[in-house]
């Protein structure tokens, strides 16, 4: 049986009620959910707090789902994105698929449809995640992702609310466990483990 507890989902929809309803559904399965009514707020959070799955509506007033998808795929290419679309936007959903979306579901959707799509995506990424966890702790995985985004030890320390020395210690442990001694080889090893080169563009 798939264990999806403690995995973090980001959800974006300009309707607050939809955000709250979806968060409630997903949290009942043991997932952690952070929701946003503006795509730019979501993307800002993604730059400092990597998640396991992004779910976004296509139609939004500031940055729409297609633009968010494009920005995410440039900055975090390995992050799976599930698109929500109204019936009339199916052609746009297909374009989103070509742009890197993992899957899409139509609105309005049932609880069962949503959970099936989410569990299917998380099941696909579970093998690589389980391999990482044999090597690294959850904290080390988070710090590794931030390193791959090009963040300095000082920046990571600030984001994680830890001392810079602690981050240096984690970085050394990560490199020791993965058998590398530089960031280039660290990136290659991370890709082989399924994390992908989640470099942040335009820092």
N, C-alpha and C. Protein backbone atom coordinates (compact mmCIF):
# COMPACT_ATOMS: atom_id res chain seq x y z
N UNK A 1 0.85 -1.21 0.00
CA UNK A 1 0.00 0.00 0.00
C UNK A 1 0.88 1.24 0.00
N UNK A 2 0.53 2.24 -0.79
CA UNK A 2 1.34 3.44 -0.93
C UNK A 2 1.28 4.29 0.33
N UNK A 3 2.46 4.62 0.85
CA UNK A 3 2.54 5.50 2.00
C UNK A 3 2.84 6.91 1.52
N UNK A 4 1.86 7.79 1.54
CA UNK A 4 2.06 9.14 1.03
C UNK A 4 2.11 10.17 2.15
N UNK A 5 2.25 9.71 3.39
CA UNK A 5 2.29 10.64 4.50
C UNK A 5 3.57 11.47 4.44
N UNK A 6 3.46 12.68 4.93
CA UNK A 6 4.56 13.63 5.05
C UNK A 6 5.04 14.20 3.71
N UNK A 7 4.42 13.80 2.61
CA UNK A 7 4.76 14.41 1.34
C UNK A 7 4.01 15.74 1.23
N UNK A 8 4.68 16.71 0.62
CA UNK A 8 4.16 18.07 0.59
C UNK A 8 3.58 18.40 -0.78
N UNK A 9 2.33 18.87 -0.77
CA UNK A 9 1.62 19.26 -1.99
C UNK A 9 1.40 20.77 -1.97
N UNK A 10 1.71 21.43 -3.09
CA UNK A 10 1.35 22.83 -3.28
C UNK A 10 0.13 22.87 -4.20
N UNK A 11 -0.89 23.63 -3.81
CA UNK A 11 -2.12 23.73 -4.60
C UNK A 11 -2.43 25.20 -4.89
N UNK A 12 -2.74 25.49 -6.16
CA UNK A 12 -3.00 26.87 -6.56
C UNK A 12 -4.34 26.98 -7.28
N UNK A 13 -5.20 27.84 -6.76
CA UNK A 13 -6.48 28.14 -7.41
C UNK A 13 -6.91 29.51 -6.90
N UNK A 14 -7.44 30.36 -7.78
CA UNK A 14 -7.79 31.70 -7.34
C UNK A 14 -9.04 31.75 -6.49
N UNK A 15 -9.74 30.61 -6.36
CA UNK A 15 -10.92 30.55 -5.49
C UNK A 15 -10.54 29.94 -4.14
N UNK A 16 -10.64 30.73 -3.10
CA UNK A 16 -10.23 30.29 -1.77
C UNK A 16 -11.00 29.06 -1.31
N UNK A 17 -12.30 29.01 -1.61
CA UNK A 17 -13.11 27.86 -1.18
C UNK A 17 -12.61 26.56 -1.81
N UNK A 18 -12.24 26.63 -3.08
CA UNK A 18 -11.70 25.45 -3.76
C UNK A 18 -10.40 25.02 -3.08
N UNK A 19 -9.54 25.97 -2.78
CA UNK A 19 -8.28 25.67 -2.09
C UNK A 19 -8.53 24.95 -0.78
N UNK A 20 -9.45 25.46 -0.01
CA UNK A 20 -9.74 24.87 1.30
C UNK A 20 -10.32 23.47 1.18
N UNK A 21 -11.21 23.29 0.20
CA UNK A 21 -11.83 21.97 0.03
C UNK A 21 -10.81 20.93 -0.41
N UNK A 22 -9.95 21.29 -1.36
CA UNK A 22 -8.93 20.36 -1.84
C UNK A 22 -7.92 20.05 -0.73
N UNK A 23 -7.53 21.06 0.01
CA UNK A 23 -6.59 20.84 1.11
C UNK A 23 -7.16 19.85 2.12
N UNK A 24 -8.43 20.00 2.42
CA UNK A 24 -9.08 19.10 3.38
C UNK A 24 -9.07 17.66 2.87
N UNK A 25 -9.39 17.48 1.59
CA UNK A 25 -9.41 16.13 1.00
C UNK A 25 -8.03 15.48 1.08
N UNK A 26 -7.01 16.22 0.68
CA UNK A 26 -5.66 15.66 0.64
C UNK A 26 -5.08 15.44 2.03
N UNK A 27 -5.37 16.35 2.94
CA UNK A 27 -4.84 16.21 4.30
C UNK A 27 -5.43 15.00 5.01
N UNK A 28 -6.63 14.60 4.63
CA UNK A 28 -7.26 13.41 5.24
C UNK A 28 -6.50 12.13 4.89
N UNK A 29 -5.68 12.17 3.84
CA UNK A 29 -4.89 11.01 3.45
C UNK A 29 -3.50 11.02 4.08
N UNK A 30 -3.20 12.06 4.86
CA UNK A 30 -1.90 12.15 5.51
C UNK A 30 -0.91 13.07 4.82
N UNK A 31 -1.34 13.68 3.72
CA UNK A 31 -0.47 14.61 3.01
C UNK A 31 -0.43 15.97 3.70
N UNK A 32 0.68 16.67 3.52
CA UNK A 32 0.76 18.06 3.97
C UNK A 32 0.46 18.94 2.78
N UNK A 33 -0.40 19.95 2.96
CA UNK A 33 -0.83 20.79 1.85
C UNK A 33 -0.64 22.26 2.18
N UNK A 34 -0.08 22.99 1.22
CA UNK A 34 -0.02 24.44 1.30
C UNK A 34 -0.75 24.97 0.07
N UNK A 35 -1.73 25.86 0.29
CA UNK A 35 -2.49 26.36 -0.86
C UNK A 35 -2.30 27.86 -1.03
N UNK A 36 -2.50 28.28 -2.28
CA UNK A 36 -2.27 29.67 -2.66
C UNK A 36 -3.37 30.11 -3.62
N UNK A 37 -3.80 31.36 -3.49
CA UNK A 37 -4.79 31.90 -4.41
C UNK A 37 -4.13 32.72 -5.52
N UNK A 38 -2.81 32.91 -5.43
CA UNK A 38 -2.06 33.61 -6.48
C UNK A 38 -0.85 32.79 -6.87
N UNK A 39 -0.67 32.60 -8.17
CA UNK A 39 0.43 31.77 -8.66
C UNK A 39 1.78 32.34 -8.28
N UNK A 40 1.91 33.65 -8.27
CA UNK A 40 3.22 34.23 -7.97
C UNK A 40 3.61 33.96 -6.51
N UNK A 41 2.63 33.89 -5.61
CA UNK A 41 2.94 33.55 -4.22
C UNK A 41 3.42 32.11 -4.11
N UNK A 42 2.80 31.23 -4.89
CA UNK A 42 3.20 29.83 -4.91
C UNK A 42 4.64 29.69 -5.41
N UNK A 43 4.94 30.35 -6.52
CA UNK A 43 6.28 30.24 -7.10
C UNK A 43 7.34 30.78 -6.15
N UNK A 44 7.01 31.85 -5.46
CA UNK A 44 7.96 32.41 -4.49
C UNK A 44 8.28 31.39 -3.40
N UNK A 45 7.25 30.69 -2.93
CA UNK A 45 7.46 29.66 -1.90
C UNK A 45 8.26 28.49 -2.44
N UNK A 46 8.02 28.12 -3.69
CA UNK A 46 8.74 27.01 -4.29
C UNK A 46 10.24 27.26 -4.36
N UNK A 47 10.62 28.52 -4.44
CA UNK A 47 12.05 28.85 -4.53
C UNK A 47 12.78 28.55 -3.23
N UNK A 48 12.03 28.46 -2.12
CA UNK A 48 12.68 28.21 -0.83
C UNK A 48 12.21 26.94 -0.14
N UNK A 49 11.07 26.39 -0.58
CA UNK A 49 10.52 25.20 0.06
C UNK A 49 10.07 24.21 -1.01
N UNK A 50 10.97 23.33 -1.46
CA UNK A 50 10.60 22.35 -2.49
C UNK A 50 9.46 21.45 -2.03
N UNK A 51 8.55 21.13 -2.95
CA UNK A 51 7.45 20.23 -2.63
C UNK A 51 7.53 18.97 -3.50
N UNK A 52 6.65 18.02 -3.26
CA UNK A 52 6.65 16.76 -4.00
C UNK A 52 5.74 16.79 -5.22
N UNK A 53 4.73 17.67 -5.19
CA UNK A 53 3.77 17.77 -6.29
C UNK A 53 3.13 19.14 -6.28
N UNK A 54 3.03 19.74 -7.46
CA UNK A 54 2.32 21.02 -7.62
C UNK A 54 1.03 20.76 -8.39
N UNK A 55 -0.08 21.23 -7.84
CA UNK A 55 -1.38 21.15 -8.52
C UNK A 55 -1.83 22.58 -8.78
N UNK A 56 -2.13 22.89 -10.04
CA UNK A 56 -2.51 24.27 -10.35
C UNK A 56 -3.67 24.34 -11.34
N UNK A 57 -4.54 25.31 -11.12
CA UNK A 57 -5.61 25.59 -12.08
C UNK A 57 -5.00 26.29 -13.29
N UNK A 58 -5.62 26.15 -14.46
CA UNK A 58 -5.12 26.82 -15.66
C UNK A 58 -5.52 28.29 -15.69
N UNK A 59 -6.77 28.57 -15.33
CA UNK A 59 -7.26 29.94 -15.43
C UNK A 59 -7.11 30.67 -14.11
N UNK A 60 -6.21 31.67 -14.10
CA UNK A 60 -6.02 32.51 -12.91
C UNK A 60 -5.71 33.92 -13.37
N UNK A 61 -6.03 34.93 -12.55
CA UNK A 61 -5.97 36.32 -13.00
C UNK A 61 -4.57 36.91 -13.16
N UNK A 62 -3.63 36.60 -12.26
CA UNK A 62 -2.32 37.26 -12.35
C UNK A 62 -1.38 36.49 -13.27
N UNK A 63 -0.87 35.38 -12.78
CA UNK A 63 -0.10 34.46 -13.61
C UNK A 63 -0.98 33.23 -13.78
N UNK A 64 -1.28 32.85 -15.04
CA UNK A 64 -2.14 31.69 -15.21
C UNK A 64 -1.35 30.40 -15.08
N UNK A 65 -2.06 29.27 -15.14
CA UNK A 65 -1.42 27.99 -14.91
C UNK A 65 -0.34 27.66 -15.92
N UNK A 66 -0.53 28.07 -17.19
CA UNK A 66 0.47 27.81 -18.22
C UNK A 66 1.77 28.56 -17.93
N UNK A 67 1.63 29.81 -17.51
CA UNK A 67 2.83 30.60 -17.20
C UNK A 67 3.54 30.05 -15.98
N UNK A 68 2.76 29.64 -14.97
CA UNK A 68 3.35 29.04 -13.77
C UNK A 68 4.08 27.75 -14.14
N UNK A 69 3.45 26.93 -14.96
CA UNK A 69 4.07 25.68 -15.40
C UNK A 69 5.40 25.95 -16.09
N UNK A 70 5.41 26.94 -16.97
CA UNK A 70 6.63 27.29 -17.70
C UNK A 70 7.74 27.71 -16.75
N UNK A 71 7.40 28.56 -15.78
CA UNK A 71 8.39 29.03 -14.81
C UNK A 71 8.91 27.88 -13.95
N UNK A 72 8.02 27.01 -13.54
CA UNK A 72 8.41 25.88 -12.69
C UNK A 72 9.31 24.92 -13.45
N UNK A 73 8.99 24.64 -14.70
CA UNK A 73 9.78 23.69 -15.48
C UNK A 73 11.16 24.23 -15.81
N UNK A 74 11.31 25.55 -15.86
CA UNK A 74 12.63 26.13 -16.05
C UNK A 74 13.45 26.04 -14.77
N UNK A 75 12.78 26.28 -13.65
CA UNK A 75 13.50 26.33 -12.37
C UNK A 75 13.64 24.97 -11.70
N UNK A 76 12.59 24.14 -11.79
CA UNK A 76 12.56 22.84 -11.10
C UNK A 76 12.02 21.77 -12.05
N UNK A 77 12.80 21.39 -13.05
CA UNK A 77 12.29 20.52 -14.12
C UNK A 77 11.77 19.17 -13.66
N UNK A 78 12.24 18.67 -12.51
CA UNK A 78 11.80 17.34 -12.08
C UNK A 78 10.53 17.36 -11.23
N UNK A 79 10.03 18.56 -10.90
CA UNK A 79 8.82 18.65 -10.07
C UNK A 79 7.59 18.29 -10.90
N UNK A 80 6.83 17.26 -10.51
CA UNK A 80 5.62 16.92 -11.26
C UNK A 80 4.52 17.96 -11.05
N UNK A 81 3.81 18.29 -12.13
CA UNK A 81 2.74 19.29 -12.08
C UNK A 81 1.45 18.67 -12.60
N UNK A 82 0.41 18.74 -11.79
CA UNK A 82 -0.93 18.28 -12.16
C UNK A 82 -1.78 19.50 -12.47
N UNK A 83 -2.36 19.53 -13.66
CA UNK A 83 -3.14 20.67 -14.13
C UNK A 83 -4.64 20.43 -13.91
N UNK A 84 -5.34 21.46 -13.44
CA UNK A 84 -6.80 21.43 -13.34
C UNK A 84 -7.35 22.29 -14.47
N UNK A 85 -8.32 21.78 -15.21
CA UNK A 85 -8.83 22.53 -16.35
C UNK A 85 -10.34 22.38 -16.48
N UNK A 86 -10.99 23.46 -16.92
CA UNK A 86 -12.40 23.40 -17.26
C UNK A 86 -12.56 22.70 -18.60
N UNK A 87 -13.74 22.19 -18.88
CA UNK A 87 -13.97 21.42 -20.11
C UNK A 87 -13.55 22.19 -21.36
N UNK A 88 -13.85 23.47 -21.39
CA UNK A 88 -13.54 24.27 -22.57
C UNK A 88 -12.06 24.52 -22.77
N UNK A 89 -11.24 24.18 -21.79
CA UNK A 89 -9.80 24.43 -21.89
C UNK A 89 -9.00 23.17 -22.17
N UNK A 90 -9.68 22.13 -22.64
CA UNK A 90 -8.98 20.87 -22.92
C UNK A 90 -7.82 21.06 -23.91
N UNK A 91 -8.01 21.82 -25.03
CA UNK A 91 -6.86 22.03 -25.93
C UNK A 91 -5.68 22.68 -25.22
N UNK A 92 -5.97 23.60 -24.31
CA UNK A 92 -4.90 24.25 -23.55
C UNK A 92 -4.23 23.25 -22.62
N UNK A 93 -5.00 22.31 -22.10
CA UNK A 93 -4.44 21.28 -21.23
C UNK A 93 -3.47 20.40 -22.01
N UNK A 94 -3.80 20.11 -23.27
CA UNK A 94 -2.88 19.32 -24.09
C UNK A 94 -1.58 20.09 -24.34
N UNK A 95 -1.70 21.40 -24.52
CA UNK A 95 -0.48 22.21 -24.68
C UNK A 95 0.34 22.19 -23.40
N UNK A 96 -0.36 22.17 -22.26
CA UNK A 96 0.34 22.09 -20.98
C UNK A 96 1.10 20.77 -20.87
N UNK A 97 0.49 19.70 -21.40
CA UNK A 97 1.17 18.41 -21.40
C UNK A 97 2.46 18.46 -22.18
N UNK A 98 2.42 19.10 -23.35
CA UNK A 98 3.62 19.24 -24.16
C UNK A 98 4.66 20.12 -23.47
N UNK A 99 4.19 21.04 -22.61
CA UNK A 99 5.10 21.94 -21.89
C UNK A 99 5.68 21.30 -20.64
N UNK A 100 5.22 20.07 -20.31
CA UNK A 100 5.84 19.38 -19.18
C UNK A 100 4.90 19.00 -18.06
N UNK A 101 3.59 19.29 -18.19
CA UNK A 101 2.65 18.88 -17.14
C UNK A 101 2.59 17.36 -17.06
N UNK A 102 2.49 16.83 -15.86
CA UNK A 102 2.48 15.39 -15.66
C UNK A 102 1.14 14.77 -16.05
N UNK A 103 0.06 15.49 -15.72
CA UNK A 103 -1.29 14.98 -16.00
C UNK A 103 -2.26 16.14 -15.82
N UNK A 104 -3.51 15.94 -16.22
CA UNK A 104 -4.53 16.95 -15.94
C UNK A 104 -5.85 16.27 -15.62
N UNK A 105 -6.69 16.96 -14.85
CA UNK A 105 -8.04 16.50 -14.58
C UNK A 105 -9.00 17.67 -14.81
N UNK A 106 -10.22 17.32 -15.19
CA UNK A 106 -11.21 18.34 -15.52
C UNK A 106 -11.99 18.79 -14.29
N UNK A 107 -12.31 20.08 -14.26
CA UNK A 107 -13.19 20.64 -13.23
C UNK A 107 -14.62 20.69 -13.79
N UNK A 108 -15.62 20.43 -12.95
CA UNK A 108 -15.50 20.00 -11.55
C UNK A 108 -15.08 18.53 -11.46
N UNK A 109 -14.31 18.20 -10.45
CA UNK A 109 -13.83 16.84 -10.29
C UNK A 109 -14.32 16.28 -8.96
N UNK A 110 -14.39 14.97 -8.90
CA UNK A 110 -14.82 14.32 -7.66
C UNK A 110 -13.62 14.10 -6.74
N UNK A 111 -13.89 13.83 -5.51
CA UNK A 111 -12.85 13.51 -4.53
C UNK A 111 -12.05 12.30 -5.00
N UNK A 112 -12.75 11.30 -5.52
CA UNK A 112 -12.10 10.07 -5.97
C UNK A 112 -11.16 10.33 -7.15
N UNK A 113 -11.59 11.17 -8.09
CA UNK A 113 -10.77 11.49 -9.25
C UNK A 113 -9.48 12.20 -8.83
N UNK A 114 -9.63 13.16 -7.92
CA UNK A 114 -8.47 13.90 -7.44
C UNK A 114 -7.49 12.98 -6.74
N UNK A 115 -7.98 12.15 -5.82
CA UNK A 115 -7.10 11.27 -5.06
C UNK A 115 -6.41 10.25 -5.96
N UNK A 116 -7.14 9.75 -6.95
CA UNK A 116 -6.55 8.78 -7.87
C UNK A 116 -5.39 9.41 -8.65
N UNK A 117 -5.60 10.63 -9.13
CA UNK A 117 -4.55 11.31 -9.89
C UNK A 117 -3.34 11.59 -9.02
N UNK A 118 -3.58 12.10 -7.81
CA UNK A 118 -2.47 12.44 -6.90
C UNK A 118 -1.70 11.19 -6.50
N UNK A 119 -2.40 10.13 -6.10
CA UNK A 119 -1.73 8.90 -5.68
C UNK A 119 -0.94 8.28 -6.82
N UNK A 120 -1.48 8.38 -8.03
CA UNK A 120 -0.80 7.83 -9.19
C UNK A 120 0.54 8.53 -9.41
N UNK A 121 0.54 9.85 -9.31
CA UNK A 121 1.77 10.62 -9.50
C UNK A 121 2.77 10.33 -8.39
N UNK A 122 2.30 10.32 -7.15
CA UNK A 122 3.20 10.07 -6.02
C UNK A 122 3.75 8.65 -6.07
N UNK A 123 2.97 7.73 -6.58
CA UNK A 123 3.45 6.34 -6.71
C UNK A 123 4.60 6.28 -7.71
N UNK A 124 4.51 7.10 -8.76
CA UNK A 124 5.57 7.11 -9.78
C UNK A 124 6.88 7.64 -9.22
N UNK A 125 6.81 8.62 -8.32
CA UNK A 125 8.05 9.20 -7.80
C UNK A 125 8.54 8.49 -6.56
N UNK A 126 7.73 7.58 -6.00
CA UNK A 126 8.12 6.90 -4.76
C UNK A 126 9.40 6.08 -4.88
N UNK A 127 9.65 5.32 -5.97
CA UNK A 127 10.87 4.53 -6.03
C UNK A 127 12.14 5.36 -5.88
N UNK A 128 12.22 6.50 -6.58
CA UNK A 128 13.43 7.31 -6.46
C UNK A 128 13.51 7.95 -5.09
N UNK A 129 12.36 8.35 -4.55
CA UNK A 129 12.37 8.95 -3.22
C UNK A 129 12.83 7.93 -2.18
N UNK A 130 12.38 6.67 -2.30
CA UNK A 130 12.76 5.67 -1.33
C UNK A 130 14.26 5.39 -1.40
N UNK A 131 14.84 5.47 -2.61
CA UNK A 131 16.27 5.28 -2.76
C UNK A 131 17.03 6.40 -2.07
N UNK A 132 16.56 7.62 -2.25
CA UNK A 132 17.20 8.76 -1.61
C UNK A 132 17.18 8.59 -0.10
N UNK A 133 16.05 8.15 0.43
CA UNK A 133 15.90 8.07 1.88
C UNK A 133 16.83 7.01 2.49
N UNK A 134 17.22 6.02 1.69
CA UNK A 134 18.18 5.05 2.20
C UNK A 134 19.54 5.70 2.39
N UNK A 135 19.81 6.75 1.62
CA UNK A 135 21.10 7.42 1.68
C UNK A 135 21.07 8.66 2.56
N UNK A 136 20.02 9.44 2.42
CA UNK A 136 19.95 10.75 3.07
C UNK A 136 18.75 10.87 3.98
N UNK A 137 18.88 11.70 5.00
CA UNK A 137 17.74 12.01 5.85
C UNK A 137 16.83 13.00 5.13
N UNK A 138 15.62 13.20 5.64
CA UNK A 138 14.69 14.15 5.04
C UNK A 138 15.29 15.56 5.04
N UNK A 139 15.96 15.92 6.12
CA UNK A 139 16.61 17.24 6.20
C UNK A 139 17.69 17.38 5.14
N UNK A 140 18.47 16.32 4.96
CA UNK A 140 19.54 16.37 3.97
C UNK A 140 19.00 16.46 2.55
N UNK A 141 17.87 15.80 2.28
CA UNK A 141 17.25 15.89 0.96
C UNK A 141 16.80 17.32 0.69
N UNK A 142 16.20 17.95 1.71
CA UNK A 142 15.76 19.34 1.55
C UNK A 142 16.94 20.26 1.31
N UNK A 143 18.01 20.08 2.07
CA UNK A 143 19.20 20.92 1.91
C UNK A 143 19.85 20.67 0.55
N UNK A 144 19.88 19.41 0.11
CA UNK A 144 20.43 19.10 -1.21
C UNK A 144 19.67 19.84 -2.30
N UNK A 145 18.36 19.85 -2.22
CA UNK A 145 17.56 20.55 -3.23
C UNK A 145 17.91 22.04 -3.25
N UNK A 146 18.09 22.62 -2.08
CA UNK A 146 18.44 24.04 -2.00
C UNK A 146 19.84 24.29 -2.55
N UNK A 147 20.77 23.36 -2.30
CA UNK A 147 22.11 23.47 -2.89
C UNK A 147 22.01 23.46 -4.40
N UNK A 148 21.18 22.56 -4.95
CA UNK A 148 21.04 22.44 -6.39
C UNK A 148 20.38 23.67 -7.01
N UNK A 149 19.67 24.43 -6.19
CA UNK A 149 19.07 25.68 -6.65
C UNK A 149 20.09 26.82 -6.64
N UNK A 150 21.33 26.50 -6.20
CA UNK A 150 22.39 27.50 -6.20
C UNK A 150 22.45 28.36 -4.96
N UNK A 151 21.76 27.97 -3.90
CA UNK A 151 21.74 28.77 -2.68
C UNK A 151 23.01 28.54 -1.86
N UNK A 152 23.52 29.60 -1.27
CA UNK A 152 24.72 29.51 -0.44
C UNK A 152 24.39 28.90 0.91
N UNK A 153 25.43 28.50 1.65
CA UNK A 153 25.22 27.99 3.00
C UNK A 153 24.50 29.01 3.87
N UNK A 154 24.88 30.28 3.71
CA UNK A 154 24.26 31.34 4.51
C UNK A 154 22.77 31.46 4.19
N UNK A 155 22.43 31.41 2.89
CA UNK A 155 21.03 31.52 2.48
C UNK A 155 20.22 30.32 2.99
N UNK A 156 20.81 29.13 2.89
CA UNK A 156 20.12 27.93 3.37
C UNK A 156 19.93 28.00 4.88
N UNK A 157 20.95 28.47 5.59
CA UNK A 157 20.85 28.60 7.04
C UNK A 157 19.70 29.53 7.42
N UNK A 158 19.56 30.63 6.68
CA UNK A 158 18.48 31.58 6.94
C UNK A 158 17.11 30.94 6.68
N UNK A 159 16.99 30.23 5.55
CA UNK A 159 15.71 29.61 5.19
C UNK A 159 15.32 28.51 6.16
N UNK A 160 16.32 27.76 6.62
CA UNK A 160 16.06 26.62 7.51
C UNK A 160 16.09 27.01 8.98
N UNK A 161 16.45 28.29 9.24
CA UNK A 161 16.53 28.79 10.63
C UNK A 161 17.53 27.95 11.45
N UNK A 162 18.67 27.67 10.83
CA UNK A 162 19.76 26.95 11.48
C UNK A 162 21.03 27.77 11.33
N UNK A 163 22.09 27.39 12.05
CA UNK A 163 23.36 28.10 11.93
C UNK A 163 24.05 27.71 10.63
N UNK A 164 24.91 28.60 10.15
CA UNK A 164 25.65 28.31 8.92
C UNK A 164 26.56 27.09 9.11
N UNK A 165 27.12 26.96 10.30
CA UNK A 165 27.98 25.82 10.60
C UNK A 165 27.20 24.50 10.49
N UNK A 166 25.94 24.52 10.95
CA UNK A 166 25.11 23.31 10.85
C UNK A 166 24.88 22.93 9.40
N UNK A 167 24.64 23.94 8.54
CA UNK A 167 24.43 23.67 7.12
C UNK A 167 25.70 23.12 6.49
N UNK A 168 26.84 23.66 6.89
CA UNK A 168 28.13 23.15 6.38
C UNK A 168 28.30 21.68 6.76
N UNK A 169 27.88 21.34 7.95
CA UNK A 169 27.97 19.96 8.43
C UNK A 169 27.08 19.04 7.59
N UNK A 170 25.85 19.50 7.33
CA UNK A 170 24.93 18.71 6.50
C UNK A 170 25.48 18.56 5.09
N UNK A 171 26.02 19.65 4.54
CA UNK A 171 26.58 19.60 3.18
C UNK A 171 27.71 18.56 3.10
N UNK A 172 28.58 18.56 4.11
CA UNK A 172 29.68 17.60 4.13
C UNK A 172 29.15 16.17 4.21
N UNK A 173 28.12 15.96 5.03
CA UNK A 173 27.52 14.63 5.15
C UNK A 173 26.90 14.17 3.83
N UNK A 174 26.21 15.10 3.16
CA UNK A 174 25.57 14.77 1.89
C UNK A 174 26.62 14.32 0.88
N UNK A 175 27.70 15.10 0.77
CA UNK A 175 28.74 14.76 -0.20
C UNK A 175 29.43 13.45 0.16
N UNK A 176 29.63 13.22 1.46
CA UNK A 176 30.26 11.96 1.88
C UNK A 176 29.38 10.78 1.54
N UNK A 177 28.08 10.89 1.83
CA UNK A 177 27.15 9.79 1.56
C UNK A 177 27.00 9.50 0.07
N UNK A 178 27.05 10.55 -0.74
CA UNK A 178 26.88 10.37 -2.18
C UNK A 178 28.21 10.15 -2.90
N UNK A 179 29.31 10.19 -2.15
CA UNK A 179 30.61 9.88 -2.72
C UNK A 179 31.13 10.91 -3.70
N UNK A 180 30.88 12.19 -3.43
CA UNK A 180 31.34 13.26 -4.32
C UNK A 180 32.08 14.31 -3.50
N UNK A 181 32.84 15.16 -4.20
CA UNK A 181 33.57 16.21 -3.49
C UNK A 181 33.42 17.58 -4.14
N UNK A 182 32.47 17.71 -5.09
CA UNK A 182 32.24 19.01 -5.70
C UNK A 182 30.79 19.08 -6.17
N UNK A 183 30.32 20.31 -6.44
CA UNK A 183 28.91 20.53 -6.76
C UNK A 183 28.53 19.92 -8.11
N UNK A 184 29.46 19.92 -9.08
CA UNK A 184 29.16 19.34 -10.39
C UNK A 184 28.83 17.86 -10.26
N UNK A 185 29.69 17.11 -9.55
CA UNK A 185 29.43 15.69 -9.35
C UNK A 185 28.21 15.46 -8.46
N UNK A 186 27.98 16.37 -7.52
CA UNK A 186 26.80 16.28 -6.66
C UNK A 186 25.54 16.39 -7.50
N UNK A 187 25.53 17.31 -8.46
CA UNK A 187 24.37 17.49 -9.34
C UNK A 187 24.12 16.23 -10.16
N UNK A 188 25.19 15.66 -10.72
CA UNK A 188 25.05 14.44 -11.51
C UNK A 188 24.48 13.30 -10.68
N UNK A 189 24.97 13.17 -9.44
CA UNK A 189 24.49 12.10 -8.57
C UNK A 189 23.04 12.33 -8.19
N UNK A 190 22.67 13.58 -7.94
CA UNK A 190 21.28 13.90 -7.59
C UNK A 190 20.34 13.55 -8.72
N UNK A 191 20.76 13.84 -9.97
CA UNK A 191 19.94 13.50 -11.13
C UNK A 191 19.75 11.99 -11.22
N UNK A 192 20.82 11.25 -10.96
CA UNK A 192 20.73 9.79 -11.03
C UNK A 192 19.79 9.22 -9.97
N UNK A 193 19.61 9.97 -8.87
CA UNK A 193 18.71 9.54 -7.81
C UNK A 193 17.27 10.00 -8.04
N UNK A 194 17.06 10.81 -9.09
CA UNK A 194 15.70 11.23 -9.40
C UNK A 194 15.34 12.61 -8.91
N UNK A 195 16.28 13.30 -8.25
CA UNK A 195 15.97 14.66 -7.79
C UNK A 195 15.96 15.64 -8.96
N UNK A 196 16.81 15.46 -9.92
CA UNK A 196 16.90 16.37 -11.05
C UNK A 196 17.68 17.61 -10.66
N UNK A 197 18.15 18.30 -11.66
CA UNK A 197 18.92 19.53 -11.43
C UNK A 197 17.97 20.70 -11.22
N UNK A 198 17.50 20.85 -9.99
CA UNK A 198 16.47 21.85 -9.68
C UNK A 198 17.11 23.21 -9.47
N UNK A 199 17.80 23.69 -10.49
CA UNK A 199 18.49 24.96 -10.41
C UNK A 199 17.46 26.10 -10.55
N UNK A 200 17.56 27.08 -9.71
CA UNK A 200 16.67 28.24 -9.80
C UNK A 200 17.20 29.20 -10.83
N UNK A 201 16.38 29.55 -11.81
CA UNK A 201 16.78 30.47 -12.84
C UNK A 201 16.58 31.91 -12.37
N UNK A 202 17.44 32.79 -12.84
CA UNK A 202 17.26 34.21 -12.59
C UNK A 202 17.23 34.59 -11.13
N UNK A 203 18.18 34.03 -10.37
CA UNK A 203 18.20 34.34 -8.93
C UNK A 203 18.52 35.81 -8.74
